Protein backbone atom coordinates (compact mmCIF):
# COMPACT_ATOMS: atom_id res chain seq x y z
CA MET A 1 -3.40 10.70 -28.32
CA PRO A 2 -2.47 14.38 -28.52
CA SER A 3 1.15 15.43 -28.50
CA PRO A 4 2.48 16.72 -25.16
CA ALA A 5 1.69 20.36 -24.46
CA PRO A 6 4.73 22.62 -24.45
CA ALA A 7 5.69 24.21 -21.16
CA PRO A 8 5.12 27.96 -20.90
CA GLY A 9 8.88 28.51 -20.89
CA ASP A 10 9.52 26.60 -24.12
CA GLN A 11 10.50 28.56 -27.21
CA HIS A 12 7.89 26.58 -29.16
CA PHE A 13 5.20 27.98 -26.87
CA ALA A 14 5.17 31.38 -28.52
CA THR A 15 4.62 30.06 -32.05
CA ALA A 16 2.34 27.00 -31.76
CA ALA A 17 -1.04 27.21 -30.01
CA THR A 18 -1.63 24.66 -27.28
CA PRO A 19 -5.17 23.26 -27.30
CA LEU A 20 -6.88 23.76 -23.93
CA VAL A 21 -10.21 22.77 -22.41
CA ALA A 22 -12.22 24.75 -19.87
CA GLY A 23 -14.38 23.40 -17.05
CA ILE A 24 -17.05 25.55 -15.39
CA ASP A 25 -18.33 24.73 -11.90
CA VAL A 26 -21.48 26.58 -10.83
CA ALA A 27 -21.54 26.00 -7.08
CA THR A 28 -23.87 27.56 -4.52
CA ALA A 29 -21.70 30.56 -3.66
CA ALA A 30 -19.49 31.04 -6.72
CA VAL A 31 -18.67 30.07 -10.30
CA ARG A 32 -15.19 28.61 -10.83
CA VAL A 33 -13.38 28.08 -14.13
CA VAL A 34 -10.22 26.12 -14.83
CA CYS A 35 -8.35 25.83 -18.15
CA LEU A 36 -6.25 22.69 -18.69
CA ASP A 37 -4.00 21.29 -21.39
CA ALA A 38 -3.98 17.67 -22.56
CA ARG A 39 -1.79 16.61 -19.62
CA GLY A 40 -4.01 18.24 -17.01
CA THR A 41 -1.67 21.19 -16.44
CA VAL A 42 -3.61 24.20 -15.16
CA TYR A 43 -3.02 27.22 -17.39
CA ALA A 44 -5.52 29.64 -15.91
CA GLU A 45 -8.36 29.92 -13.41
CA GLY A 46 -11.22 32.31 -12.71
CA ARG A 47 -13.80 32.87 -10.00
CA ALA A 48 -16.89 35.03 -9.55
CA ALA A 49 -19.27 35.20 -6.61
CA LEU A 50 -22.97 34.31 -6.70
CA PRO A 51 -25.65 35.70 -4.40
CA GLN A 52 -26.39 33.56 -1.38
CA PRO A 53 -29.61 31.53 -1.68
CA VAL A 54 -32.64 32.86 0.16
CA ARG A 55 -33.66 30.23 2.71
CA ASP A 56 -36.31 30.12 5.44
CA GLY A 57 -37.76 27.68 7.93
CA GLY A 58 -40.49 26.64 5.50
CA GLY A 59 -38.15 24.73 3.24
CA ARG A 60 -37.61 27.51 0.71
CA SER A 61 -34.21 27.72 -0.98
CA GLU A 62 -34.02 30.10 -3.93
CA GLN A 63 -31.32 31.89 -5.90
CA ASP A 64 -31.43 34.67 -8.48
CA ALA A 65 -30.86 32.69 -11.69
CA THR A 66 -30.24 35.86 -13.68
CA ARG A 67 -26.86 36.05 -11.93
CA TRP A 68 -25.59 32.68 -13.24
CA TRP A 69 -24.55 33.88 -16.68
CA PRO A 70 -22.88 37.17 -15.61
CA ALA A 71 -20.88 35.28 -12.98
CA ALA A 72 -19.88 32.54 -15.46
CA ALA A 73 -18.89 35.14 -18.05
CA GLU A 74 -16.79 37.03 -15.49
CA ALA A 75 -15.00 33.87 -14.33
CA LEU A 76 -14.33 32.89 -17.95
CA ARG A 77 -12.98 36.38 -18.73
CA GLN A 78 -10.57 36.14 -15.80
CA ALA A 79 -9.31 32.77 -17.00
CA THR A 80 -9.04 33.58 -20.70
CA ALA A 81 -7.34 36.93 -19.95
CA ALA A 82 -4.66 35.04 -18.02
CA LEU A 83 -3.78 32.79 -20.96
CA PRO A 84 -0.57 33.58 -22.84
CA ALA A 85 -1.13 35.59 -26.02
CA ARG A 86 -0.99 33.38 -29.13
CA GLY A 87 0.23 30.54 -26.95
CA ALA A 88 -2.94 28.67 -26.03
CA GLU A 89 -6.54 28.42 -27.17
CA VAL A 90 -9.59 26.96 -25.48
CA THR A 91 -11.05 24.43 -27.90
CA ALA A 92 -13.88 23.01 -25.75
CA VAL A 93 -15.86 23.89 -22.63
CA ALA A 94 -18.28 22.01 -20.34
CA VAL A 95 -20.45 23.06 -17.40
CA SER A 96 -21.17 21.22 -14.14
CA ALA A 97 -23.47 22.41 -11.38
CA THR A 98 -25.39 21.41 -8.27
CA SER A 99 -27.71 18.44 -8.70
CA GLY A 100 -31.40 19.26 -8.95
CA THR A 101 -31.33 23.06 -9.20
CA LEU A 102 -34.07 24.18 -11.62
CA VAL A 103 -35.60 27.36 -13.01
CA LEU A 104 -38.53 28.04 -15.31
CA ALA A 105 -37.40 30.09 -18.34
CA ASP A 106 -39.15 31.76 -21.26
CA GLY A 107 -38.71 30.88 -24.92
CA ASP A 108 -35.52 32.94 -25.09
CA GLY A 109 -33.98 31.20 -22.08
CA ARG A 110 -34.56 34.07 -19.63
CA PRO A 111 -35.49 33.00 -16.08
CA LEU A 112 -39.11 33.75 -15.19
CA GLY A 113 -38.33 33.88 -11.48
CA PRO A 114 -35.83 32.65 -8.93
CA ALA A 115 -34.31 29.19 -9.27
CA LEU A 116 -35.42 26.49 -6.84
CA MET A 117 -32.20 25.12 -5.37
CA TYR A 118 -31.10 21.53 -4.83
CA ASP A 119 -32.09 21.67 -1.14
CA ASP A 120 -35.52 23.32 -1.54
CA ARG A 121 -38.01 21.16 0.38
CA ARG A 122 -41.34 22.77 -0.47
CA ALA A 123 -42.18 19.97 -2.90
CA ALA A 124 -41.60 17.11 -0.43
CA ASP A 125 -45.24 16.02 -0.67
CA LEU A 126 -45.12 16.10 -4.47
CA ASN A 127 -41.98 13.99 -4.43
CA ALA A 128 -43.77 11.46 -2.21
CA GLU A 129 -46.53 11.30 -4.80
CA ALA A 130 -43.94 10.93 -7.58
CA GLN A 131 -42.40 8.00 -5.67
CA HIS A 132 -45.82 6.32 -5.48
CA ARG A 133 -46.81 7.01 -9.10
CA GLY A 134 -43.57 5.65 -10.54
CA SER A 135 -42.73 3.02 -7.94
CA SER A 136 -42.06 0.19 -10.41
CA ARG A 137 -39.84 2.44 -12.52
CA TRP A 138 -37.83 3.67 -9.53
CA GLN A 139 -37.48 0.14 -8.18
CA ALA A 140 -36.02 -1.07 -11.49
CA LEU A 141 -33.65 1.91 -11.47
CA GLY A 142 -32.67 1.47 -7.83
CA LEU A 143 -33.70 5.04 -7.03
CA THR A 144 -35.81 6.64 -4.32
CA VAL A 145 -37.47 9.98 -5.03
CA GLY A 146 -36.40 11.86 -1.91
CA PRO A 147 -37.93 14.99 -0.35
CA THR A 148 -35.50 17.32 -2.18
CA ALA A 149 -35.66 15.68 -5.63
CA ALA A 150 -36.04 18.12 -8.51
CA LEU A 151 -39.00 16.16 -9.92
CA GLY A 152 -41.25 17.55 -7.19
CA ARG A 153 -39.98 21.07 -7.89
CA ALA A 154 -41.01 20.67 -11.53
CA ALA A 155 -44.50 19.82 -10.30
CA TRP A 156 -44.36 22.78 -7.91
CA TYR A 157 -43.67 25.08 -10.86
CA ALA A 158 -46.62 23.56 -12.73
CA ARG A 159 -48.90 24.51 -9.82
CA HIS A 160 -47.49 27.93 -8.98
CA ALA A 161 -46.35 29.51 -12.26
CA ALA A 162 -49.85 30.48 -13.36
CA ASP A 163 -48.67 33.34 -15.59
CA ARG A 164 -46.12 31.25 -17.50
CA PRO A 165 -45.92 31.81 -21.27
CA GLY A 166 -46.68 28.93 -23.63
CA ALA A 167 -43.02 28.68 -24.61
CA ALA A 168 -41.85 28.21 -21.00
CA ARG A 169 -39.28 25.50 -20.36
CA LEU A 170 -37.63 23.99 -17.29
CA VAL A 171 -33.85 24.32 -17.39
CA HIS A 172 -31.05 23.11 -15.17
CA THR A 173 -28.16 25.47 -14.50
CA PRO A 174 -25.91 24.05 -17.29
CA ASP A 175 -28.83 24.20 -19.76
CA LEU A 176 -29.18 27.92 -19.18
CA LEU A 177 -25.45 28.54 -19.53
CA GLY A 178 -25.26 26.27 -22.58
CA ARG A 179 -27.88 28.39 -24.29
CA ARG A 180 -25.97 31.58 -23.53
CA LEU A 181 -22.73 30.04 -24.79
CA THR A 182 -24.19 28.75 -28.07
CA GLY A 183 -27.04 31.18 -28.66
CA GLU A 184 -29.46 28.25 -29.08
CA PRO A 185 -31.40 25.86 -26.81
CA VAL A 186 -29.28 22.86 -25.83
CA ALA A 187 -29.97 19.35 -24.56
CA THR A 188 -29.38 18.50 -20.94
CA ASP A 189 -27.16 15.63 -19.80
CA TRP A 190 -28.53 12.51 -18.14
CA SER A 191 -26.66 13.29 -14.91
CA HIS A 192 -28.26 16.67 -14.21
CA ALA A 193 -31.60 15.22 -15.41
CA LEU A 194 -31.61 12.24 -13.00
CA LYS A 195 -33.23 13.95 -10.02
CA THR A 196 -35.70 15.69 -12.33
CA GLY A 197 -37.05 12.23 -13.09
CA TYR A 198 -35.16 11.16 -16.20
CA ASP A 199 -34.80 7.38 -16.37
CA PRO A 200 -31.30 6.61 -17.75
CA ARG A 201 -32.07 2.90 -17.74
CA ALA A 202 -35.05 3.24 -20.09
CA GLY A 203 -33.68 6.37 -21.78
CA GLU A 204 -36.84 8.45 -21.28
CA TRP A 205 -38.66 10.95 -19.11
CA PRO A 206 -41.26 9.20 -16.88
CA GLY A 207 -44.41 10.03 -18.83
CA GLU A 208 -46.78 8.37 -16.36
CA VAL A 209 -45.34 10.41 -13.48
CA LEU A 210 -45.32 13.69 -15.42
CA ASP A 211 -48.98 13.19 -16.33
CA ALA A 212 -49.94 12.35 -12.74
CA LEU A 213 -48.20 15.45 -11.39
CA GLY A 214 -49.42 17.77 -14.14
CA ILE A 215 -45.95 18.57 -15.52
CA PRO A 216 -46.15 19.54 -19.22
CA ALA A 217 -43.92 17.13 -21.15
CA HIS A 218 -42.76 19.94 -23.46
CA TRP A 219 -41.25 21.72 -20.45
CA LEU A 220 -38.48 19.15 -20.30
CA PRO A 221 -35.40 19.27 -22.55
CA PRO A 222 -34.00 16.49 -24.74
CA VAL A 223 -31.36 14.40 -22.95
CA GLN A 224 -27.93 13.33 -24.20
CA PRO A 225 -24.91 11.59 -22.60
CA PRO A 226 -22.36 13.77 -20.79
CA ALA A 227 -19.50 14.96 -23.03
CA THR A 228 -21.85 15.19 -26.04
CA SER A 229 -21.22 18.22 -28.26
CA VAL A 230 -24.28 20.49 -28.26
CA GLY A 231 -22.98 23.43 -30.32
CA THR A 232 -20.23 26.01 -30.46
CA VAL A 233 -19.59 29.35 -28.79
CA CYS A 234 -21.41 32.13 -30.61
CA ALA A 235 -20.01 35.59 -31.34
CA GLU A 236 -21.97 37.29 -28.54
CA ALA A 237 -20.75 34.81 -25.92
CA ALA A 238 -17.21 35.02 -27.24
CA ALA A 239 -17.23 38.79 -26.75
CA GLU A 240 -18.43 38.40 -23.15
CA THR A 241 -16.15 35.53 -22.10
CA GLY A 242 -12.96 35.67 -24.15
CA LEU A 243 -13.62 32.17 -25.51
CA PRO A 244 -13.01 31.86 -29.25
CA VAL A 245 -15.95 31.76 -31.65
CA GLY A 246 -16.48 28.13 -32.63
CA CYS A 247 -15.19 26.70 -29.34
CA ASP A 248 -16.95 23.34 -28.79
CA VAL A 249 -19.61 23.27 -26.04
CA ARG A 250 -20.00 19.83 -24.45
CA LEU A 251 -22.34 18.54 -21.78
CA GLY A 252 -21.10 18.21 -18.21
CA MET A 253 -22.30 16.24 -15.19
CA THR A 254 -23.47 17.09 -11.68
CA ASP A 255 -20.87 18.43 -9.26
CA GLY A 256 -20.51 15.12 -7.43
CA CYS A 257 -20.06 13.11 -10.62
CA ALA A 258 -17.60 15.61 -12.10
CA GLY A 259 -15.63 15.53 -8.86
CA GLN A 260 -15.44 11.76 -9.10
CA LEU A 261 -14.07 11.95 -12.65
CA ALA A 262 -11.43 14.42 -11.48
CA THR A 263 -10.03 11.83 -9.06
CA GLY A 264 -9.38 9.40 -11.92
CA ALA A 265 -11.94 6.82 -10.72
CA VAL A 266 -13.61 6.41 -14.10
CA ALA A 267 -13.33 2.71 -15.07
CA PRO A 268 -15.32 -0.30 -13.81
CA GLY A 269 -14.08 -1.46 -10.41
CA GLN A 270 -12.60 1.91 -9.46
CA PHE A 271 -14.11 3.65 -6.41
CA VAL A 272 -13.35 6.86 -4.56
CA GLY A 273 -14.00 7.72 -0.91
CA VAL A 274 -14.66 11.46 -0.59
CA LEU A 275 -14.13 12.61 3.00
CA GLY A 276 -15.63 16.07 3.24
CA THR A 277 -18.20 17.30 5.75
CA THR A 278 -19.86 13.95 5.15
CA TYR A 279 -18.39 10.75 3.72
CA VAL A 280 -19.35 9.81 0.15
CA LEU A 281 -18.43 6.59 -1.67
CA LYS A 282 -18.70 6.63 -5.46
CA GLY A 283 -17.56 4.14 -8.08
CA VAL A 284 -17.99 2.62 -11.51
CA THR A 285 -19.75 -0.62 -12.47
CA ARG A 286 -20.46 -2.20 -15.85
CA ASP A 287 -24.03 -3.05 -14.89
CA LEU A 288 -26.70 -1.26 -12.92
CA VAL A 289 -26.63 -2.19 -9.21
CA THR A 290 -29.82 -1.80 -7.20
CA ASP A 291 -29.82 -1.64 -3.42
CA PRO A 292 -33.04 -2.90 -1.75
CA ALA A 293 -32.29 -0.70 1.27
CA GLY A 294 -32.08 2.42 -0.88
CA ALA A 295 -28.72 3.45 0.59
CA LEU A 296 -27.00 3.30 -2.80
CA TYR A 297 -28.20 4.76 -6.11
CA SER A 298 -26.61 5.25 -9.52
CA HIS A 299 -25.96 7.97 -12.03
CA ARG A 300 -25.04 6.85 -15.52
CA HIS A 301 -21.46 6.99 -16.78
CA PRO A 302 -20.79 8.96 -19.99
CA ASP A 303 -19.82 5.67 -21.68
CA GLY A 304 -23.04 3.93 -20.60
CA TRP A 305 -21.67 2.22 -17.48
CA TRP A 306 -23.05 3.10 -14.05
CA LEU A 307 -21.88 5.26 -11.16
CA PRO A 308 -23.22 3.84 -7.88
CA GLY A 309 -22.78 6.01 -4.83
CA GLY A 310 -23.98 6.73 -1.34
CA ALA A 311 -23.51 9.53 1.19
CA SER A 312 -23.22 9.12 4.95
CA ASN A 313 -24.42 11.61 7.55
CA THR A 314 -21.00 11.71 9.16
CA GLY A 315 -17.47 12.37 7.95
CA GLY A 316 -15.35 15.47 8.53
CA GLU A 317 -18.27 16.81 10.55
CA ALA A 318 -17.12 14.39 13.25
CA LEU A 319 -14.40 16.93 14.09
CA ALA A 320 -16.56 20.06 13.85
CA HIS A 321 -16.71 20.48 17.64
CA ARG A 322 -12.94 20.99 17.75
CA ALA A 323 -11.15 24.21 16.85
CA VAL A 324 -9.51 23.94 13.44
CA GLU A 325 -6.22 25.30 14.75
CA ARG A 326 -6.03 22.40 17.27
CA LEU A 327 -6.34 19.63 14.69
CA PRO A 328 -2.66 19.39 13.64
CA ALA A 329 -1.53 19.04 17.25
CA LEU A 330 -4.27 16.51 17.97
CA ASP A 331 -3.26 14.54 14.87
CA GLU A 332 0.36 14.49 16.06
CA ALA A 333 -0.61 13.33 19.55
CA ALA A 334 -3.04 10.73 18.19
CA ALA A 335 -0.41 9.39 15.79
CA ALA A 336 2.06 9.00 18.66
CA ARG A 337 -0.39 7.09 20.90
CA GLY A 338 -1.50 4.52 18.29
CA PRO A 339 -4.95 2.89 18.01
CA ALA A 340 -7.61 4.29 20.34
CA SER A 341 -8.56 2.55 23.58
CA CYS A 342 -12.27 3.16 22.89
CA VAL A 343 -14.65 2.86 19.92
CA SER A 344 -16.56 5.84 18.49
CA TYR A 345 -19.40 6.25 16.03
CA PRO A 346 -18.99 10.04 15.66
CA LEU A 347 -22.42 10.88 14.23
CA ARG A 348 -23.21 14.50 15.16
CA ARG A 349 -26.78 14.59 13.86
CA GLU A 350 -29.87 12.37 13.92
CA GLY A 351 -30.20 9.42 11.56
CA GLU A 352 -27.94 7.63 9.09
CA ARG A 353 -28.44 7.13 5.34
CA PHE A 354 -25.33 5.22 4.21
CA PRO A 355 -23.97 2.55 4.43
CA PHE A 356 -27.16 1.70 6.32
CA VAL A 357 -30.49 3.50 6.54
CA ALA A 358 -31.63 4.13 10.11
CA GLY A 359 -33.55 7.19 11.19
CA ALA A 360 -33.01 6.22 14.83
CA ALA A 361 -29.21 6.14 14.55
CA ARG A 362 -27.29 8.26 17.05
CA GLY A 363 -23.59 8.60 17.76
CA PHE A 364 -22.00 6.61 20.57
CA THR A 365 -18.72 5.87 22.32
CA LEU A 366 -17.82 2.46 23.76
CA GLY A 367 -15.42 2.92 26.64
CA THR A 368 -13.94 6.05 28.17
CA PRO A 369 -11.23 7.95 26.24
CA ALA A 370 -8.00 8.38 28.16
CA ASP A 371 -7.52 11.97 26.97
CA ASP A 372 -8.27 14.35 24.10
CA ALA A 373 -5.79 12.61 21.79
CA ASP A 374 -7.45 9.25 22.48
CA ARG A 375 -10.92 10.69 21.79
CA HIS A 376 -9.67 12.37 18.62
CA ARG A 377 -8.08 9.15 17.42
CA ALA A 378 -11.32 7.24 18.15
CA ASP A 379 -13.32 9.69 16.04
CA LEU A 380 -10.92 9.35 13.12
CA GLU A 381 -11.12 5.57 13.40
CA GLY A 382 -14.93 5.67 13.63
CA VAL A 383 -15.23 7.36 10.23
CA ALA A 384 -12.79 4.79 8.82
CA PHE A 385 -14.96 2.01 10.26
CA LEU A 386 -17.97 3.52 8.51
CA GLU A 387 -15.97 3.56 5.26
CA ARG A 388 -15.11 -0.13 5.68
CA LEU A 389 -18.76 -0.94 6.34
CA ALA A 390 -19.66 0.98 3.17
CA LEU A 391 -17.23 -1.06 1.07
CA GLU A 392 -18.54 -4.26 2.62
CA ARG A 393 -22.07 -3.12 1.76
CA VAL A 394 -21.03 -2.60 -1.84
CA ALA A 395 -19.33 -6.00 -1.93
CA ALA A 396 -22.50 -7.65 -0.54
CA LEU A 397 -24.38 -6.25 -3.54
CA GLY A 398 -21.96 -8.09 -5.82
CA VAL A 399 -19.89 -5.09 -6.82
CA PRO A 400 -16.13 -5.63 -7.28
CA VAL A 401 -13.91 -2.87 -5.87
CA ASP A 402 -10.35 -2.70 -7.14
CA ALA A 403 -7.38 -1.49 -5.10
CA PRO A 404 -6.21 1.12 -4.52
CA LEU A 405 -9.23 3.04 -3.30
CA TYR A 406 -9.10 6.61 -4.60
CA ALA A 407 -9.40 9.28 -1.91
CA ALA A 408 -10.48 12.91 -2.03
CA GLY A 409 -12.02 15.62 0.13
CA GLY A 410 -10.64 17.81 2.89
CA GLY A 411 -10.21 14.89 5.31
CA SER A 412 -7.85 13.20 2.84
CA ARG A 413 -5.33 15.99 3.45
CA SER A 414 -4.67 14.57 6.93
CA PRO A 415 -1.77 12.07 6.64
CA LEU A 416 -2.82 10.40 9.91
CA TRP A 417 -6.48 9.98 8.92
CA THR A 418 -5.51 8.60 5.51
CA ARG A 419 -3.15 6.06 7.10
CA ILE A 420 -5.90 5.00 9.51
CA ARG A 421 -8.35 4.57 6.64
CA ALA A 422 -5.86 2.51 4.63
CA THR A 423 -5.13 0.29 7.63
CA VAL A 424 -8.80 -0.23 8.54
CA LEU A 425 -9.63 -1.08 4.92
CA GLY A 426 -6.52 -3.17 4.39
CA VAL A 427 -5.83 -1.56 1.00
CA PRO A 428 -3.73 1.40 -0.19
CA LEU A 429 -5.41 4.77 -0.75
CA ARG A 430 -4.54 6.92 -3.75
CA VAL A 431 -5.10 10.55 -2.73
CA ALA A 432 -6.14 12.55 -5.78
CA ASP A 433 -4.21 15.64 -6.83
CA ARG A 434 -7.19 17.87 -7.72
CA ALA A 435 -10.61 16.36 -7.07
CA GLU A 436 -12.49 19.48 -8.13
CA THR A 437 -15.77 19.85 -9.99
CA ALA A 438 -14.31 22.31 -12.53
CA PHE A 439 -11.45 19.90 -13.21
CA GLY A 440 -13.94 17.09 -13.86
CA ALA A 441 -15.96 19.34 -16.17
CA ALA A 442 -12.76 20.06 -18.10
CA LEU A 443 -12.20 16.29 -18.50
CA LEU A 444 -15.65 16.05 -20.06
CA ALA A 445 -14.78 18.94 -22.38
CA ALA A 446 -11.64 17.03 -23.38
CA THR A 447 -13.65 13.90 -24.19
CA GLY A 448 -14.28 13.87 -27.91
CA THR A 449 -11.92 16.78 -28.53
CA LEU A 450 -8.49 15.96 -27.06
CA TYR A 451 -9.31 12.33 -26.28
CA ASP A 452 -11.68 9.65 -27.55
CA GLY A 453 -13.18 8.74 -24.17
CA VAL A 454 -13.42 9.72 -20.51
CA GLU A 455 -11.16 6.88 -19.39
CA GLU A 456 -8.41 7.98 -21.79
CA ALA A 457 -8.81 11.62 -20.78
CA ALA A 458 -8.65 10.83 -17.05
CA ALA A 459 -5.59 8.60 -17.45
CA ALA A 460 -3.70 11.42 -19.16
CA MET A 461 -4.95 14.40 -17.14
CA THR A 462 -5.56 13.45 -13.50
CA GLY A 463 -2.02 12.56 -12.41
CA GLU A 464 -0.71 9.77 -10.21
CA GLY A 465 -1.82 11.21 -6.87
CA ARG A 466 -0.22 10.17 -3.56
CA LEU A 467 -0.27 6.50 -2.52
CA VAL A 468 -0.78 5.79 1.20
CA GLU A 469 -0.16 2.24 2.45
CA PRO A 470 -1.70 0.48 5.49
CA VAL A 471 0.27 0.32 8.75
CA PRO A 472 0.69 -3.43 9.42
CA GLU A 473 1.50 -3.13 13.13
CA GLU A 474 -1.83 -1.36 13.82
CA LYS A 475 -4.03 -3.69 11.75
CA ALA A 476 -4.94 -6.22 14.49
CA ALA A 477 -6.01 -3.57 17.02
CA LEU A 478 -8.12 -1.75 14.45
CA ASP A 479 -9.74 -5.01 13.32
CA ASP A 480 -10.74 -5.69 16.94
CA SER A 481 -12.24 -2.22 17.32
CA TYR A 482 -14.09 -2.58 14.02
CA ALA A 483 -15.62 -5.84 15.26
CA ARG A 484 -16.86 -4.02 18.41
CA PHE A 485 -18.20 -1.20 16.19
CA THR A 486 -20.26 -3.51 13.96
CA GLU A 487 -21.46 -5.63 16.90
CA GLU A 488 -22.84 -2.48 18.55
CA LEU A 489 -24.58 -1.35 15.36
CA THR A 490 -26.16 -4.79 15.09
CA ALA A 491 -27.20 -4.83 18.74
CA ARG A 492 -28.97 -1.50 18.26
CA GLY A 493 -30.82 -2.88 15.24
CA TRP A 494 -29.35 -0.46 12.72
CA VAL A 495 -27.61 -3.06 10.54
């Protein structure tokens, strides 16, 4: 266990360097960097914009991959320039990015064209073929190769990159940045590799599927666990970023997985409900859990455990039809009135994917809301009902979920919504302090440098969060509404 980091105001701070770790988050619109000490204290941050992806109605979603490194270097320069002179030094760095974004690069790691983004759908037919060709493998893994999986994009490159050099390689975003940081090719992590077809259960790329789709096996990188050291920062990268030569470069995880780690939900039995635009439930299990319905699938934990998760088609989007500036007043009015008089399933799009899979699913309201506050309260409760159904789905698969449930996402900033969720679930919610991808990447950088494992790093760096307890006097009314909610879903044939 490292010794506590001195506070910037301490006299000791000017004479003894504090070891820091840096996390890099390559999102769709920007690169973000955060530098943390061993206690999770933020010392510096940086941000640089990325060009917007080029999208069209044909399923294309591309981004200029040559901009990834300049943006990452700029964000790192901002962060390292803000560190106190002689007072702190970044000892390790890790990169996390969107899941399934790929680009074909030459032997020197230079992109040979635009990157195909995580939501590019041009390879949907190739992904359907990949699902068929590897059906027994995917069934054992509990994974469905969806229309936007990166495996199909790898096959798309094999068909469309006719002028590729013999030394061409497929790289994920962190692979490209890792090469620029170290000056050498690096392995990829088994999290970013999952949607490209890597089988973390068998520990191999799916040779039978690659052959069937015509993907050259040598295009794909070696795979290592997240937090593995893959080299050190070279002199050229140090000059561009402000990182010290010799700084350890460690593998990250996808943005969703890194965000989960940042909440502190890193040990078996711990789960986090992320209430953003959509609702996502993610957790940790000792053994691989497979869901026959395909609503739940698993990444692999850095320590070899599993990270089951599922994403709904509703969540914060349930409130998108209301002006943001009205939400605080609606929350106040809804809190004053108590449980809603009606029941809402506030799905604003077609189809549901978690906790049940139903393409025919549509939103509904049972009863007539008394007023706007009543309708608002019903929508908040409806998302909480979906969360309870998700946890019951997980429990039905034999997965233990410990209390409290960790909570993150923009919706978790609403005290009312968090109280409703806790009451509906019947367990406390622990709202995370900083559930950010860059923070989670920094935890992975700290694993093996400042701490021996991810669990130890998260315990020391993520903080206690804010505990929200259920409201006992509202429990019976919400249980009754939940029963009506599930009865209606069953009557419609969706569950």
